């Protein structure tokens, strides 16, 4: 036999980032309406109303594989973006599942 009682200290709370990404900025996990301002080989820049464009990485454009973002996106397109987080002052966005009008090339 073995009396292994596992006692866990503290609460295991998954700390989800919440609140604004930067002061007065967008909230983590929130969806915003935006407009594509630039399309690059590595993703697209979207202006979503906070004075800074966020970056949607190629892998986060849609629920399908995108080889070249320029195949599916153009500057000026209206898109919905989800704020995923921030890195070095740059905001990471995702468009997955939010834009039914964006389809594979």
PDB file of N, CA and C in Angstrom:
ATOM      1  N   UNK A   1       0.820  -1.185   0.000  1.00  0.00           N
ATOM      2  CA  UNK A   1       0.000   0.000   0.000  1.00  0.00           C
ATOM      3  C   UNK A   1       0.859   1.241   0.000  1.00  0.00           C
ATOM      4  N   UNK A   2       0.218   2.337  -0.181  1.00  0.00           N
ATOM      5  CA  UNK A   2       0.927   3.611  -0.153  1.00  0.00           C
ATOM      6  C   UNK A   2      -0.048   4.721   0.110  1.00  0.00           C
ATOM      7  N   UNK A   3       0.218   5.515   1.147  1.00  0.00           N
ATOM      8  CA  UNK A   3      -0.687   6.610   1.463  1.00  0.00           C
ATOM      9  C   UNK A   3      -0.215   7.902   0.844  1.00  0.00           C
ATOM     10  N   UNK A   4      -0.245   7.967  -0.479  1.00  0.00           N
ATOM     11  CA  UNK A   4       0.213   9.177  -1.164  1.00  0.00           C
ATOM     12  C   UNK A   4      -0.882  10.209  -1.249  1.00  0.00           C
ATOM     13  N   UNK A   5      -0.860  11.145  -0.316  1.00  0.00           N
ATOM     14  CA  UNK A   5      -1.853  12.211  -0.399  1.00  0.00           C
ATOM     15  C   UNK A   5      -1.224  13.409  -1.095  1.00  0.00           C
ATOM     16  N   UNK A   6      -1.797  13.755  -2.221  1.00  0.00           N
ATOM     17  CA  UNK A   6      -1.227  14.870  -2.962  1.00  0.00           C
ATOM     18  C   UNK A   6      -1.904  16.157  -2.523  1.00  0.00           C
ATOM     19  N   UNK A   7      -1.144  16.996  -1.863  1.00  0.00           N
ATOM     20  CA  UNK A   7      -1.707  18.275  -1.444  1.00  0.00           C
ATOM     21  C   UNK A   7      -1.162  19.355  -2.366  1.00  0.00           C
ATOM     22  N   UNK A   8      -2.063  20.118  -2.929  1.00  0.00           N
ATOM     23  CA  UNK A   8      -1.623  21.171  -3.830  1.00  0.00           C
ATOM     24  C   UNK A   8      -1.753  22.508  -3.130  1.00  0.00           C
ATOM     25  N   UNK A   9      -0.683  23.243  -3.131  1.00  0.00           N
ATOM     26  CA  UNK A   9      -0.696  24.549  -2.489  1.00  0.00           C
ATOM     27  C   UNK A   9      -1.194  25.609  -3.451  1.00  0.00           C
ATOM     28  N   UNK A  10      -1.966  26.517  -2.949  1.00  0.00           N
ATOM     29  CA  UNK A  10      -2.474  27.598  -3.783  1.00  0.00           C
ATOM     30  C   UNK A  10      -3.509  27.084  -4.757  1.00  0.00           C
ATOM     31  N   UNK A  11      -4.101  27.975  -5.457  1.00  0.00           N
ATOM     32  CA  UNK A  11      -5.094  27.586  -6.449  1.00  0.00           C
ATOM     33  C   UNK A  11      -4.437  27.538  -7.814  1.00  0.00           C
ATOM     34  N   UNK A  12      -4.770  26.485  -8.561  1.00  0.00           N
ATOM     35  CA  UNK A  12      -4.234  26.421  -9.914  1.00  0.00           C
ATOM     36  C   UNK A  12      -5.156  27.224 -10.818  1.00  0.00           C
ATOM     37  N   UNK A  13      -4.856  28.495 -10.927  1.00  0.00           N
ATOM     38  CA  UNK A  13      -5.690  29.348 -11.759  1.00  0.00           C
ATOM     39  C   UNK A  13      -4.936  29.667 -13.033  1.00  0.00           C
ATOM     40  N   UNK A  14      -5.548  29.337 -14.144  1.00  0.00           N
ATOM     41  CA  UNK A  14      -4.939  29.713 -15.399  1.00  0.00           C
ATOM     42  C   UNK A  14      -5.033  31.222 -15.535  1.00  0.00           C
ATOM     43  N   UNK A  15      -3.897  31.869 -15.431  1.00  0.00           N
ATOM     44  CA  UNK A  15      -3.900  33.322 -15.477  1.00  0.00           C
ATOM     45  C   UNK A  15      -4.058  33.771 -16.914  1.00  0.00           C
ATOM     46  N   UNK A  16      -5.264  34.145 -17.288  1.00  0.00           N
ATOM     47  CA  UNK A  16      -5.484  34.674 -18.620  1.00  0.00           C
ATOM     48  C   UNK A  16      -5.150  36.151 -18.596  1.00  0.00           C
ATOM     49  N   UNK A  17      -4.392  36.573 -19.588  1.00  0.00           N
ATOM     50  CA  UNK A  17      -4.130  37.997 -19.685  1.00  0.00           C
ATOM     51  C   UNK A  17      -5.451  38.704 -19.923  1.00  0.00           C
ATOM     52  N   UNK A  18      -5.669  39.752 -19.171  1.00  0.00           N
ATOM     53  CA  UNK A  18      -6.892  40.508 -19.369  1.00  0.00           C
ATOM     54  C   UNK A  18      -6.568  41.979 -19.227  1.00  0.00           C
ATOM     55  N   UNK A  19      -7.539  42.794 -19.560  1.00  0.00           N
ATOM     56  CA  UNK A  19      -7.293  44.216 -19.524  1.00  0.00           C
ATOM     57  C   UNK A  19      -6.670  44.675 -20.832  1.00  0.00           C
ATOM     58  N   UNK A  20      -6.353  45.952 -20.903  1.00  0.00           N
ATOM     59  CA  UNK A  20      -5.843  46.492 -22.158  1.00  0.00           C
ATOM     60  C   UNK A  20      -4.421  46.034 -22.453  1.00  0.00           C
ATOM     61  N   UNK A  21      -4.117  45.900 -23.729  1.00  0.00           N
ATOM     62  CA  UNK A  21      -2.782  45.509 -24.166  1.00  0.00           C
ATOM     63  C   UNK A  21      -1.786  46.619 -23.850  1.00  0.00           C
ATOM     64  N   UNK A  22      -2.185  47.846 -24.108  1.00  0.00           N
ATOM     65  CA  UNK A  22      -1.403  48.999 -23.670  1.00  0.00           C
ATOM     66  C   UNK A  22      -2.395  50.036 -23.144  1.00  0.00           C
ATOM     67  N   UNK A  23      -1.944  50.963 -22.323  1.00  0.00           N
ATOM     68  CA  UNK A  23      -2.887  51.893 -21.684  1.00  0.00           C
ATOM     69  C   UNK A  23      -3.788  52.577 -22.704  1.00  0.00           C
ATOM     70  N   UNK A  24      -5.084  52.479 -22.467  1.00  0.00           N
ATOM     71  CA  UNK A  24      -6.045  53.076 -23.380  1.00  0.00           C
ATOM     72  C   UNK A  24      -6.211  52.295 -24.667  1.00  0.00           C
ATOM     73  N   UNK A  25      -5.625  51.107 -24.682  1.00  0.00           N
ATOM     74  CA  UNK A  25      -5.631  50.316 -25.902  1.00  0.00           C
ATOM     75  C   UNK A  25      -6.680  49.226 -25.904  1.00  0.00           C
ATOM     76  N   UNK A  26      -6.563  48.312 -26.859  1.00  0.00           N
ATOM     77  CA  UNK A  26      -7.541  47.237 -27.004  1.00  0.00           C
ATOM     78  C   UNK A  26      -7.427  46.218 -25.878  1.00  0.00           C
ATOM     79  N   UNK A  27      -8.520  45.521 -25.617  1.00  0.00           N
ATOM     80  CA  UNK A  27      -8.541  44.512 -24.562  1.00  0.00           C
ATOM     81  C   UNK A  27      -8.173  43.146 -25.123  1.00  0.00           C
ATOM     82  N   UNK A  28      -7.400  42.395 -24.342  1.00  0.00           N
ATOM     83  CA  UNK A  28      -7.099  41.012 -24.704  1.00  0.00           C
ATOM     84  C   UNK A  28      -8.385  40.232 -24.915  1.00  0.00           C
ATOM     85  N   UNK A  29      -8.402  39.382 -25.928  1.00  0.00           N
ATOM     86  CA  UNK A  29      -9.525  38.489 -26.133  1.00  0.00           C
ATOM     87  C   UNK A  29     -10.770  39.165 -26.658  1.00  0.00           C
ATOM     88  N   UNK A  30     -10.639  40.406 -27.106  1.00  0.00           N
ATOM     89  CA  UNK A  30     -11.788  41.145 -27.610  1.00  0.00           C
ATOM     90  C   UNK A  30     -11.700  41.261 -29.126  1.00  0.00           C
ATOM     91  N   UNK A  31     -12.873  41.233 -29.764  1.00  0.00           N
ATOM     92  CA  UNK A  31     -12.932  41.330 -31.216  1.00  0.00           C
ATOM     93  C   UNK A  31     -13.251  42.762 -31.627  1.00  0.00           C
ATOM     94  N   UNK A  32     -12.523  43.232 -32.626  1.00  0.00           N
ATOM     95  CA  UNK A  32     -12.722  44.597 -33.118  1.00  0.00           C
ATOM     96  C   UNK A  32     -12.918  44.585 -34.627  1.00  0.00           C
ATOM     97  N   UNK A  33     -13.636  45.601 -35.103  1.00  0.00           N
ATOM     98  CA  UNK A  33     -13.738  45.822 -36.535  1.00  0.00           C
ATOM     99  C   UNK A  33     -12.494  46.582 -36.975  1.00  0.00           C
ATOM    100  N   UNK A  34     -11.937  46.178 -38.100  1.00  0.00           N
ATOM    101  CA  UNK A  34     -10.747  46.859 -38.570  1.00  0.00           C
ATOM    102  C   UNK A  34     -10.695  46.917 -40.082  1.00  0.00           C
ATOM    103  N   UNK A  35      -9.587  47.487 -40.556  1.00  0.00           N
ATOM    104  CA  UNK A  35      -9.392  47.631 -41.989  1.00  0.00           C
ATOM    105  C   UNK A  35      -7.958  47.263 -42.300  1.00  0.00           C
ATOM    106  N   UNK A  36      -7.778  46.431 -43.316  1.00  0.00           N
ATOM    107  CA  UNK A  36      -6.435  46.021 -43.715  1.00  0.00           C
ATOM    108  C   UNK A  36      -5.702  47.236 -44.281  1.00  0.00           C
ATOM    109  N   UNK A  37      -4.512  47.509 -43.736  1.00  0.00           N
ATOM    110  CA  UNK A  37      -3.743  48.658 -44.208  1.00  0.00           C
ATOM    111  C   UNK A  37      -2.532  48.239 -45.025  1.00  0.00           C
ATOM    112  N   UNK A  38      -2.089  47.009 -44.846  1.00  0.00           N
ATOM    113  CA  UNK A  38      -0.939  46.544 -45.606  1.00  0.00           C
ATOM    114  C   UNK A  38      -0.874  45.036 -45.588  1.00  0.00           C
ATOM    115  N   UNK A  39      -0.456  44.455 -46.712  1.00  0.00           N
ATOM    116  CA  UNK A  39      -0.351  43.003 -46.807  1.00  0.00           C
ATOM    117  C   UNK A  39       1.093  42.653 -47.149  1.00  0.00           C
ATOM    118  N   UNK A  40       1.698  41.820 -46.301  1.00  0.00           N
ATOM    119  CA  UNK A  40       3.096  41.436 -46.443  1.00  0.00           C
ATOM    120  C   UNK A  40       3.178  39.924 -46.614  1.00  0.00           C
ATOM    121  N   UNK A  41       4.339  39.418 -47.031  1.00  0.00           N
ATOM    122  CA  UNK A  41       4.486  37.959 -47.154  1.00  0.00           C
ATOM    123  C   UNK A  41       4.256  37.227 -45.831  1.00  0.00           C
ATOM    124  N   UNK A  42       4.496  37.916 -44.701  1.00  0.00           N
ATOM    125  CA  UNK A  42       4.390  37.253 -43.395  1.00  0.00           C
ATOM    126  C   UNK A  42       3.069  37.516 -42.697  1.00  0.00           C
ATOM    127  N   UNK A  43       2.205  38.320 -43.305  1.00  0.00           N
ATOM    128  CA  UNK A  43       0.931  38.596 -42.656  1.00  0.00           C
ATOM    129  C   UNK A  43       0.348  39.915 -43.124  1.00  0.00           C
ATOM    130  N   UNK A  44      -0.620  40.409 -42.370  1.00  0.00           N
ATOM    131  CA  UNK A  44      -1.304  41.641 -42.754  1.00  0.00           C
ATOM    132  C   UNK A  44      -1.373  42.592 -41.567  1.00  0.00           C
ATOM    133  N   UNK A  45      -1.257  43.869 -41.860  1.00  0.00           N
ATOM    134  CA  UNK A  45      -1.435  44.890 -40.840  1.00  0.00           C
ATOM    135  C   UNK A  45      -2.867  45.395 -40.887  1.00  0.00           C
ATOM    136  N   UNK A  46      -3.462  45.547 -39.708  1.00  0.00           N
ATOM    137  CA  UNK A  46      -4.856  45.965 -39.626  1.00  0.00           C
ATOM    138  C   UNK A  46      -4.969  47.170 -38.696  1.00  0.00           C
ATOM    139  N   UNK A  47      -5.635  48.206 -39.186  1.00  0.00           N
ATOM    140  CA  UNK A  47      -5.957  49.363 -38.361  1.00  0.00           C
ATOM    141  C   UNK A  47      -7.310  49.100 -37.720  1.00  0.00           C
ATOM    142  N   UNK A  48      -7.332  48.976 -36.401  1.00  0.00           N
ATOM    143  CA  UNK A  48      -8.580  48.639 -35.720  1.00  0.00           C
ATOM    144  C   UNK A  48      -8.959  49.707 -34.703  1.00  0.00           C
ATOM    145  N   UNK A  49      -8.486  50.915 -34.934  1.00  0.00           N
ATOM    146  CA  UNK A  49      -9.014  52.052 -34.207  1.00  0.00           C
ATOM    147  C   UNK A  49      -8.252  52.514 -32.985  1.00  0.00           C
ATOM    148  N   UNK A  50      -7.000  52.091 -32.821  1.00  0.00           N
ATOM    149  CA  UNK A  50      -6.261  52.508 -31.633  1.00  0.00           C
ATOM    150  C   UNK A  50      -4.972  53.255 -31.970  1.00  0.00           C
ATOM    151  N   UNK A  51      -4.870  53.713 -33.199  1.00  0.00           N
ATOM    152  CA  UNK A  51      -3.706  54.496 -33.573  1.00  0.00           C
ATOM    153  C   UNK A  51      -2.476  53.667 -33.883  1.00  0.00           C
ATOM    154  N   UNK A  52      -2.531  52.379 -33.579  1.00  0.00           N
ATOM    155  CA  UNK A  52      -1.437  51.480 -33.926  1.00  0.00           C
ATOM    156  C   UNK A  52      -2.028  50.326 -34.720  1.00  0.00           C
ATOM    157  N   UNK A  53      -1.385  49.965 -35.800  1.00  0.00           N
ATOM    158  CA  UNK A  53      -1.838  48.793 -36.538  1.00  0.00           C
ATOM    159  C   UNK A  53      -1.390  47.537 -35.804  1.00  0.00           C
ATOM    160  N   UNK A  54      -2.237  46.509 -35.837  1.00  0.00           N
ATOM    161  CA  UNK A  54      -1.851  45.218 -35.302  1.00  0.00           C
ATOM    162  C   UNK A  54      -1.460  44.301 -36.441  1.00  0.00           C
ATOM    163  N   UNK A  55      -0.713  43.253 -36.120  1.00  0.00           N
ATOM    164  CA  UNK A  55      -0.276  42.307 -37.140  1.00  0.00           C
ATOM    165  C   UNK A  55      -1.048  40.999 -37.035  1.00  0.00           C
ATOM    166  N   UNK A  56      -1.613  40.575 -38.156  1.00  0.00           N
ATOM    167  CA  UNK A  56      -2.218  39.255 -38.259  1.00  0.00           C
ATOM    168  C   UNK A  56      -1.214  38.371 -38.984  1.00  0.00           C
ATOM    169  N   UNK A  57      -0.614  37.424 -38.268  1.00  0.00           N
ATOM    170  CA  UNK A  57       0.350  36.528 -38.901  1.00  0.00           C
ATOM    171  C   UNK A  57      -0.353  35.656 -39.929  1.00  0.00           C
ATOM    172  N   UNK A  58       0.401  35.225 -40.926  1.00  0.00           N
ATOM    173  CA  UNK A  58      -0.167  34.426 -42.007  1.00  0.00           C
ATOM    174  C   UNK A  58      -0.998  33.267 -41.474  1.00  0.00           C
ATOM    175  N   UNK A  59      -0.496  32.594 -40.434  1.00  0.00           N
ATOM    176  CA  UNK A  59      -1.192  31.406 -39.919  1.00  0.00           C
ATOM    177  C   UNK A  59      -2.490  31.763 -39.214  1.00  0.00           C
ATOM    178  N   UNK A  60      -2.688  33.041 -38.912  1.00  0.00           N
ATOM    179  CA  UNK A  60      -3.895  33.459 -38.196  1.00  0.00           C
ATOM    180  C   UNK A  60      -4.907  34.165 -39.084  1.00  0.00           C
ATOM    181  N   UNK A  61      -4.713  34.065 -40.397  1.00  0.00           N
ATOM    182  CA  UNK A  61      -5.631  34.754 -41.309  1.00  0.00           C
ATOM    183  C   UNK A  61      -6.960  34.014 -41.407  1.00  0.00           C
ATOM    184  N   UNK A  62      -6.901  32.691 -41.531  1.00  0.00           N
ATOM    185  CA  UNK A  62      -8.137  31.932 -41.659  1.00  0.00           C
ATOM    186  C   UNK A  62      -7.964  30.517 -41.169  1.00  0.00           C
ATOM    187  N   UNK A  63      -9.054  29.752 -41.247  1.00  0.00           N
ATOM    188  CA  UNK A  63      -9.014  28.346 -40.838  1.00  0.00           C
ATOM    189  C   UNK A  63      -8.536  27.466 -41.984  1.00  0.00           C
ATOM    190  N   UNK A  64      -7.704  28.034 -42.831  1.00  0.00           N
ATOM    191  CA  UNK A  64      -7.174  27.293 -43.968  1.00  0.00           C
ATOM    192  C   UNK A  64      -5.745  27.759 -44.171  1.00  0.00           C
ATOM    193  N   UNK A  65      -4.974  26.958 -44.889  1.00  0.00           N
ATOM    194  CA  UNK A  65      -3.583  27.310 -45.101  1.00  0.00           C
ATOM    195  C   UNK A  65      -3.478  28.457 -46.097  1.00  0.00           C
ATOM    196  N   UNK A  66      -2.751  29.484 -45.719  1.00  0.00           N
ATOM    197  CA  UNK A  66      -2.510  30.610 -46.608  1.00  0.00           C
ATOM    198  C   UNK A  66      -1.032  30.618 -46.975  1.00  0.00           C
ATOM    199  N   UNK A  67      -0.754  30.491 -48.258  1.00  0.00           N
ATOM    200  CA  UNK A  67       0.622  30.506 -48.712  1.00  0.00           C
ATOM    201  C   UNK A  67       1.124  31.939 -48.791  1.00  0.00           C
ATOM    202  N   UNK A  68       0.324  32.786 -49.393  1.00  0.00           N
ATOM    203  CA  UNK A  68       0.682  34.182 -49.553  1.00  0.00           C
ATOM    204  C   UNK A  68      -0.527  35.040 -49.186  1.00  0.00           C
ATOM    205  N   UNK A  69      -0.415  35.827 -48.127  1.00  0.00           N
ATOM    206  CA  UNK A  69      -1.557  36.642 -47.692  1.00  0.00           C
ATOM    207  C   UNK A  69      -2.130  37.505 -48.817  1.00  0.00           C
ATOM    208  N   UNK A  70      -1.283  37.871 -49.773  1.00  0.00           N
ATOM    209  CA  UNK A  70      -1.762  38.722 -50.858  1.00  0.00           C
ATOM    210  C   UNK A  70      -2.736  37.993 -51.773  1.00  0.00           C
ATOM    211  N   UNK A  71      -2.811  36.667 -51.629  1.00  0.00           N
ATOM    212  CA  UNK A  71      -3.794  35.906 -52.405  1.00  0.00           C
ATOM    213  C   UNK A  71      -5.211  36.091 -51.864  1.00  0.00           C
ATOM    214  N   UNK A  72      -5.321  36.403 -50.579  1.00  0.00           N
ATOM    215  CA  UNK A  72      -6.652  36.433 -49.960  1.00  0.00           C
ATOM    216  C   UNK A  72      -7.041  37.793 -49.388  1.00  0.00           C
ATOM    217  N   UNK A  73      -6.060  38.670 -49.204  1.00  0.00           N
ATOM    218  CA  UNK A  73      -6.343  39.965 -48.592  1.00  0.00           C
ATOM    219  C   UNK A  73      -5.883  41.107 -49.486  1.00  0.00           C
ATOM    220  N   UNK A  74      -6.614  42.218 -49.397  1.00  0.00           N
ATOM    221  CA  UNK A  74      -6.173  43.444 -50.051  1.00  0.00           C
ATOM    222  C   UNK A  74      -6.284  44.596 -49.065  1.00  0.00           C
ATOM    223  N   UNK A  75      -5.453  45.589 -49.262  1.00  0.00           N
ATOM    224  CA  UNK A  75      -5.559  46.799 -48.445  1.00  0.00           C
ATOM    225  C   UNK A  75      -6.952  47.385 -48.590  1.00  0.00           C
ATOM    226  N   UNK A  76      -7.494  47.846 -47.480  1.00  0.00           N
ATOM    227  CA  UNK A  76      -8.810  48.466 -47.502  1.00  0.00           C
ATOM    228  C   UNK A  76      -9.946  47.518 -47.173  1.00  0.00           C
ATOM    229  N   UNK A  77      -9.654  46.208 -47.117  1.00  0.00           N
ATOM    230  CA  UNK A  77     -10.697  45.240 -46.758  1.00  0.00           C
ATOM    231  C   UNK A  77     -11.151  45.460 -45.320  1.00  0.00           C
ATOM    232  N   UNK A  78     -12.466  45.350 -45.105  1.00  0.00           N
ATOM    233  CA  UNK A  78     -13.007  45.395 -43.748  1.00  0.00           C
ATOM    234  C   UNK A  78     -12.893  43.993 -43.146  1.00  0.00           C
ATOM    235  N   UNK A  79     -12.317  43.903 -41.972  1.00  0.00           N
ATOM    236  CA  UNK A  79     -12.145  42.599 -41.336  1.00  0.00           C
ATOM    237  C   UNK A  79     -12.433  42.713 -39.843  1.00  0.00           C
ATOM    238  N   UNK A  80     -12.726  41.563 -39.246  1.00  0.00           N
ATOM    239  CA  UNK A  80     -12.830  41.485 -37.793  1.00  0.00           C
ATOM    240  C   UNK A  80     -11.541  40.855 -37.280  1.00  0.00           C
ATOM    241  N   UNK A  81     -11.034  41.395 -36.185  1.00  0.00           N
ATOM    242  CA  UNK A  81      -9.805  40.867 -35.613  1.00  0.00           C
ATOM    243  C   UNK A  81      -9.983  40.626 -34.120  1.00  0.00           C
ATOM    244  N   UNK A  82      -9.335  39.564 -33.641  1.00  0.00           N
ATOM    245  CA  UNK A  82      -9.336  39.226 -32.221  1.00  0.00           C
ATOM    246  C   UNK A  82      -7.959  39.555 -31.657  1.00  0.00           C
ATOM    247  N   UNK A  83      -7.934  40.288 -30.559  1.00  0.00           N
ATOM    248  CA  UNK A  83      -6.667  40.644 -29.930  1.00  0.00           C
ATOM    249  C   UNK A  83      -6.133  39.439 -29.155  1.00  0.00           C
ATOM    250  N   UNK A  84      -4.973  38.931 -29.579  1.00  0.00           N
ATOM    251  CA  UNK A  84      -4.405  37.741 -28.939  1.00  0.00           C
ATOM    252  C   UNK A  84      -3.377  38.092 -27.877  1.00  0.00           C
ATOM    253  N   UNK A  85      -2.668  39.166 -28.089  1.00  0.00           N
ATOM    254  CA  UNK A  85      -1.633  39.518 -27.137  1.00  0.00           C
ATOM    255  C   UNK A  85      -0.723  40.579 -27.718  1.00  0.00           C
ATOM    256  N   UNK A  86       0.352  40.860 -26.994  1.00  0.00           N
ATOM    257  CA  UNK A  86       1.289  41.868 -27.461  1.00  0.00           C
ATOM    258  C   UNK A  86       2.711  41.368 -27.265  1.00  0.00           C
ATOM    259  N   UNK A  87       3.588  41.806 -28.134  1.00  0.00           N
ATOM    260  CA  UNK A  87       4.975  41.380 -28.100  1.00  0.00           C
ATOM    261  C   UNK A  87       5.824  42.557 -28.544  1.00  0.00           C
ATOM    262  N   UNK A  88       6.730  42.996 -27.688  1.00  0.00           N
ATOM    263  CA  UNK A  88       7.601  44.120 -28.030  1.00  0.00           C
ATOM    264  C   UNK A  88       6.799  45.321 -28.516  1.00  0.00           C
ATOM    265  N   UNK A  89       5.668  45.564 -27.883  1.00  0.00           N
ATOM    266  CA  UNK A  89       4.876  46.721 -28.260  1.00  0.00           C
ATOM    267  C   UNK A  89       4.027  46.528 -29.497  1.00  0.00           C
ATOM    268  N   UNK A  90       4.176  45.367 -30.135  1.00  0.00           N
ATOM    269  CA  UNK A  90       3.344  45.087 -31.306  1.00  0.00           C
ATOM    270  C   UNK A  90       2.182  44.195 -30.880  1.00  0.00           C
ATOM    271  N   UNK A  91       1.002  44.537 -31.350  1.00  0.00           N
ATOM    272  CA  UNK A  91      -0.181  43.772 -30.976  1.00  0.00           C
ATOM    273  C   UNK A  91      -0.393  42.636 -31.971  1.00  0.00           C
ATOM    274  N   UNK A  92      -0.598  41.429 -31.439  1.00  0.00           N
ATOM    275  CA  UNK A  92      -0.857  40.254 -32.281  1.00  0.00           C
ATOM    276  C   UNK A  92      -2.355  40.068 -32.421  1.00  0.00           C
ATOM    277  N   UNK A  93      -2.798  39.953 -33.660  1.00  0.00           N
ATOM    278  CA  UNK A  93      -4.220  39.783 -33.942  1.00  0.00           C
ATOM    279  C   UNK A  93      -4.461  38.459 -34.642  1.00  0.00           C
ATOM    280  N   UNK A  94      -5.698  37.981 -34.563  1.00  0.00           N
ATOM    281  CA  UNK A  94      -6.114  36.800 -35.313  1.00  0.00           C
ATOM    282  C   UNK A  94      -7.425  37.100 -36.022  1.00  0.00           C
ATOM    283  N   UNK A  95      -7.564  36.568 -37.234  1.00  0.00           N
ATOM    284  CA  UNK A  95      -8.817  36.727 -37.971  1.00  0.00           C
ATOM    285  C   UNK A  95      -9.526  35.391 -38.141  1.00  0.00           C
ATOM    286  N   UNK A  96      -8.990  34.342 -37.518  1.00  0.00           N
ATOM    287  CA  UNK A  96      -9.543  32.997 -37.716  1.00  0.00           C
ATOM    288  C   UNK A  96     -11.006  32.925 -37.315  1.00  0.00           C
ATOM    289  N   UNK A  97     -11.829  32.394 -38.210  1.00  0.00           N
ATOM    290  CA  UNK A  97     -13.222  32.135 -37.889  1.00  0.00           C
ATOM    291  C   UNK A  97     -14.086  33.375 -37.744  1.00  0.00           C
ATOM    292  N   UNK A  98     -13.532  34.544 -38.037  1.00  0.00           N
ATOM    293  CA  UNK A  98     -14.289  35.777 -37.833  1.00  0.00           C
ATOM    294  C   UNK A  98     -14.742  36.406 -39.146  1.00  0.00           C
ATOM    295  N   UNK A  99     -14.155  35.951 -40.246  1.00  0.00           N
ATOM    296  CA  UNK A  99     -14.381  36.620 -41.524  1.00  0.00           C
ATOM    297  C   UNK A  99     -14.787  35.634 -42.606  1.00  0.00           C
ATOM    298  N   UNK A 100     -16.082  35.301 -42.645  1.00  0.00           N
ATOM    299  CA  UNK A 100     -16.536  34.309 -43.631  1.00  0.00           C
ATOM    300  C   UNK A 100     -16.287  34.744 -45.075  1.00  0.00           C
ATOM    301  N   UNK A 101     -16.081  36.048 -45.293  1.00  0.00           N
ATOM    302  CA  UNK A 101     -15.853  36.505 -46.662  1.00  0.00           C
ATOM    303  C   UNK A 101     -14.424  36.270 -47.129  1.00  0.00           C
ATOM    304  N   UNK A 102     -13.552  35.869 -46.203  1.00  0.00           N
ATOM    305  CA  UNK A 102     -12.180  35.559 -46.600  1.00  0.00           C
ATOM    306  C   UNK A 102     -12.088  34.063 -46.842  1.00  0.00           C
ATOM    307  N   UNK A 103     -11.812  33.704 -48.090  1.00  0.00           N
ATOM    308  CA  UNK A 103     -11.842  32.296 -48.480  1.00  0.00           C
ATOM    309  C   UNK A 103     -10.513  31.911 -49.101  1.00  0.00           C
ATOM    310  N   UNK A 104     -10.221  30.611 -49.128  1.00  0.00           N
ATOM    311  CA  UNK A 104      -8.957  30.174 -49.724  1.00  0.00           C
ATOM    312  C   UNK A 104      -8.864  30.635 -51.173  1.00  0.00           C
ATOM    313  N   UNK A 105      -7.644  30.919 -51.634  1.00  0.00           N
ATOM    314  CA  UNK A 105      -7.460  31.392 -53.010  1.00  0.00           C
ATOM    315  C   UNK A 105      -7.860  30.342 -54.032  1.00  0.00           C
TER     316      UNK A 105
END
